[in-house]
Amino acid sequence: MRFLVVTKNNSPMHPGVAAAAMGAMAKWAERYSAEGKFEQMWSFAGLAGGGGIMNVDSLEELDEIMTGFPLAPFSDVEIIGLVDLYESLDRAAKVAGAAAAAMAAMA
């Protein structure tokens, strides 16, 4: 299961906490990158935030990983499920075809 994870800072971090929080974030990111859970990870240029593409086996695994996100107290987090574009287009075309057939049958 693949997910786009986007985080944006929502409150200033006390300078006394910032260095430790950044260190914890680096360790968290390294761990899940090394385990192959993050396919990609990045920061936003000029902004306090970033994101990545996670590949996990279950929603429970995603929840466990994100529960340990070190910057959570200072962040808004958005998680969006990802699906293959062509498979999604095929499903949408089938639904549209079924709707068109139903409308034609009612006419």
C-alpha atoms as a PDB file:
ATOM      1  CA  MET A   1       0.000   0.000   0.000  1.00  0.00           C
ATOM      2  CA  ARG A   2       1.453   3.328  -1.053  1.00  0.00           C
ATOM      3  CA  PHE A   3       0.715   6.671   0.553  1.00  0.00           C
ATOM      4  CA  LEU A   4       1.748  10.259  -0.032  1.00  0.00           C
ATOM      5  CA  VAL A   5       2.631  11.804   3.323  1.00  0.00           C
ATOM      6  CA  VAL A   6       2.800  15.623   3.488  1.00  0.00           C
ATOM      7  CA  THR A   7       3.781  17.490   6.645  1.00  0.00           C
ATOM      8  CA  LYS A   8       3.808  21.228   7.247  1.00  0.00           C
ATOM      9  CA  ASN A   9       4.936  23.068  10.349  1.00  0.00           C
ATOM     10  CA  ASN A  10       1.956  24.540  12.206  1.00  0.00           C
ATOM     11  CA  SER A  11       3.665  26.171  15.195  1.00  0.00           C
ATOM     12  CA  PRO A  12       7.094  27.508  16.050  1.00  0.00           C
ATOM     13  CA  MET A  13       9.476  25.189  17.827  1.00  0.00           C
ATOM     14  CA  HIS A  14      11.224  26.445  20.964  1.00  0.00           C
ATOM     15  CA  PRO A  15      14.932  26.858  20.125  1.00  0.00           C
ATOM     16  CA  GLY A  16      15.838  24.616  23.059  1.00  0.00           C
ATOM     17  CA  VAL A  17      13.803  21.782  21.524  1.00  0.00           C
ATOM     18  CA  ALA A  18      14.615  22.316  17.849  1.00  0.00           C
ATOM     19  CA  ALA A  19      18.053  20.653  17.704  1.00  0.00           C
ATOM     20  CA  ALA A  20      16.867  17.531  19.521  1.00  0.00           C
ATOM     21  CA  ALA A  21      13.700  17.375  17.386  1.00  0.00           C
ATOM     22  CA  MET A  22      15.714  17.633  14.168  1.00  0.00           C
ATOM     23  CA  GLY A  23      18.066  14.886  15.370  1.00  0.00           C
ATOM     24  CA  ALA A  24      15.117  12.631  16.222  1.00  0.00           C
ATOM     25  CA  MET A  25      13.591  13.389  12.822  1.00  0.00           C
ATOM     26  CA  ALA A  26      16.818  12.433  11.045  1.00  0.00           C
ATOM     27  CA  LYS A  27      16.985   9.101  12.917  1.00  0.00           C
ATOM     28  CA  TRP A  28      13.294   8.383  12.204  1.00  0.00           C
ATOM     29  CA  ALA A  29      13.747   9.177   8.495  1.00  0.00           C
ATOM     30  CA  GLU A  30      16.934   7.085   8.248  1.00  0.00           C
ATOM     31  CA  ARG A  31      15.270   4.107   9.940  1.00  0.00           C
ATOM     32  CA  TYR A  32      12.239   3.976   7.663  1.00  0.00           C
ATOM     33  CA  SER A  33      14.269   4.745   4.541  1.00  0.00           C
ATOM     34  CA  ALA A  34      16.674   1.910   5.375  1.00  0.00           C
ATOM     35  CA  GLU A  35      13.731  -0.439   5.961  1.00  0.00           C
ATOM     36  CA  GLY A  36      12.323   0.476   2.536  1.00  0.00           C
ATOM     37  CA  LYS A  37       9.168   1.994   3.994  1.00  0.00           C
ATOM     38  CA  PHE A  38       9.901   5.375   2.412  1.00  0.00           C
ATOM     39  CA  GLU A  39      10.372   5.107  -1.348  1.00  0.00           C
ATOM     40  CA  GLN A  40      11.122   8.824  -1.501  1.00  0.00           C
ATOM     41  CA  MET A  41      11.476  11.561   1.089  1.00  0.00           C
ATOM     42  CA  TRP A  42      12.049  15.290   0.710  1.00  0.00           C
ATOM     43  CA  SER A  43      11.853  18.730   2.331  1.00  0.00           C
ATOM     44  CA  PHE A  44      10.006  21.646   0.787  1.00  0.00           C
ATOM     45  CA  ALA A  45      12.363  24.346  -0.462  1.00  0.00           C
ATOM     46  CA  GLY A  46      12.118  27.416   1.732  1.00  0.00           C
ATOM     47  CA  LEU A  47       9.309  25.982   3.883  1.00  0.00           C
ATOM     48  CA  ALA A  48       9.160  24.157   7.199  1.00  0.00           C
ATOM     49  CA  GLY A  49       7.793  20.830   6.054  1.00  0.00           C
ATOM     50  CA  GLY A  50       8.262  17.975   3.690  1.00  0.00           C
ATOM     51  CA  GLY A  51       6.885  14.681   2.571  1.00  0.00           C
ATOM     52  CA  GLY A  52       7.460  11.346   1.051  1.00  0.00           C
ATOM     53  CA  ILE A  53       5.986   8.248  -0.489  1.00  0.00           C
ATOM     54  CA  MET A  54       5.526   5.423   1.974  1.00  0.00           C
ATOM     55  CA  ASN A  55       5.096   1.797   1.014  1.00  0.00           C
ATOM     56  CA  VAL A  56       3.642  -0.252   3.883  1.00  0.00           C
ATOM     57  CA  ASP A  57       1.857  -3.577   4.269  1.00  0.00           C
ATOM     58  CA  SER A  58      -1.186  -2.268   6.140  1.00  0.00           C
ATOM     59  CA  LEU A  59      -2.910   0.779   7.558  1.00  0.00           C
ATOM     60  CA  GLU A  60      -1.900  -0.458  10.988  1.00  0.00           C
ATOM     61  CA  GLU A  61       1.764  -0.380   9.965  1.00  0.00           C
ATOM     62  CA  LEU A  62       1.337   3.147   8.604  1.00  0.00           C
ATOM     63  CA  ASP A  63      -0.320   4.177  11.867  1.00  0.00           C
ATOM     64  CA  GLU A  64       2.519   2.670  13.900  1.00  0.00           C
ATOM     65  CA  ILE A  65       5.157   4.498  11.847  1.00  0.00           C
ATOM     66  CA  MET A  66       3.342   7.840  11.928  1.00  0.00           C
ATOM     67  CA  THR A  67       2.638   7.556  15.652  1.00  0.00           C
ATOM     68  CA  GLY A  68       6.404   7.836  16.109  1.00  0.00           C
ATOM     69  CA  PHE A  69       6.797  10.857  13.792  1.00  0.00           C
ATOM     70  CA  PRO A  70       8.989  13.141  15.943  1.00  0.00           C
ATOM     71  CA  LEU A  71       7.672  16.433  14.547  1.00  0.00           C
ATOM     72  CA  ALA A  72       3.984  15.535  14.975  1.00  0.00           C
ATOM     73  CA  PRO A  73       3.421  18.021  17.832  1.00  0.00           C
ATOM     74  CA  PHE A  74       4.541  20.836  15.523  1.00  0.00           C
ATOM     75  CA  SER A  75       2.993  19.647  12.253  1.00  0.00           C
ATOM     76  CA  ASP A  76      -0.141  19.260  10.222  1.00  0.00           C
ATOM     77  CA  VAL A  77       0.040  15.859   8.562  1.00  0.00           C
ATOM     78  CA  GLU A  78      -1.897  14.850   5.460  1.00  0.00           C
ATOM     79  CA  ILE A  79      -1.883  11.261   4.216  1.00  0.00           C
ATOM     80  CA  ILE A  80      -3.293  10.349   0.804  1.00  0.00           C
ATOM     81  CA  GLY A  81      -3.655   6.801  -0.487  1.00  0.00           C
ATOM     82  CA  LEU A  82      -2.096   6.201  -3.897  1.00  0.00           C
ATOM     83  CA  VAL A  83      -3.264   3.848  -6.631  1.00  0.00           C
ATOM     84  CA  ASP A  84      -1.969   3.068 -10.095  1.00  0.00           C
ATOM     85  CA  LEU A  85      -3.192   5.714 -12.555  1.00  0.00           C
ATOM     86  CA  TYR A  86      -4.121   3.307 -15.346  1.00  0.00           C
ATOM     87  CA  GLU A  87      -5.987   0.924 -13.063  1.00  0.00           C
ATOM     88  CA  SER A  88      -7.884   3.889 -11.630  1.00  0.00           C
ATOM     89  CA  LEU A  89      -8.760   5.147 -15.117  1.00  0.00           C
ATOM     90  CA  ASP A  90     -10.008   1.667 -16.074  1.00  0.00           C
ATOM     91  CA  ARG A  91     -12.257   1.558 -12.988  1.00  0.00           C
ATOM     92  CA  ALA A  92     -13.603   5.039 -13.715  1.00  0.00           C
ATOM     93  CA  ALA A  93     -14.309   4.113 -17.352  1.00  0.00           C
ATOM     94  CA  LYS A  94     -16.247   1.011 -16.243  1.00  0.00           C
ATOM     95  CA  VAL A  95     -18.356   3.061 -13.831  1.00  0.00           C
ATOM     96  CA  ALA A  96     -19.033   5.687 -16.501  1.00  0.00           C
ATOM     97  CA  GLY A  97     -20.002   2.954 -18.974  1.00  0.00           C
ATOM     98  CA  ALA A  98     -22.374   1.347 -16.471  1.00  0.00           C
ATOM     99  CA  ALA A  99     -23.941   4.738 -15.703  1.00  0.00           C
ATOM    100  CA  ALA A 100     -24.408   5.450 -19.429  1.00  0.00           C
ATOM    101  CA  ALA A 101     -25.992   2.027 -19.935  1.00  0.00           C
ATOM    102  CA  ALA A 102     -28.355   2.580 -17.006  1.00  0.00           C
ATOM    103  CA  MET A 103     -29.389   5.990 -18.344  1.00  0.00           C
ATOM    104  CA  ALA A 104     -29.969   4.555 -21.823  1.00  0.00           C
ATOM    105  CA  ALA A 105     -32.119   1.764 -20.348  1.00  0.00           C
ATOM    106  CA  MET A 106     -34.269   4.364 -18.570  1.00  0.00           C
ATOM    107  CA  ALA A 107     -34.862   6.377 -21.747  1.00  0.00           C
END
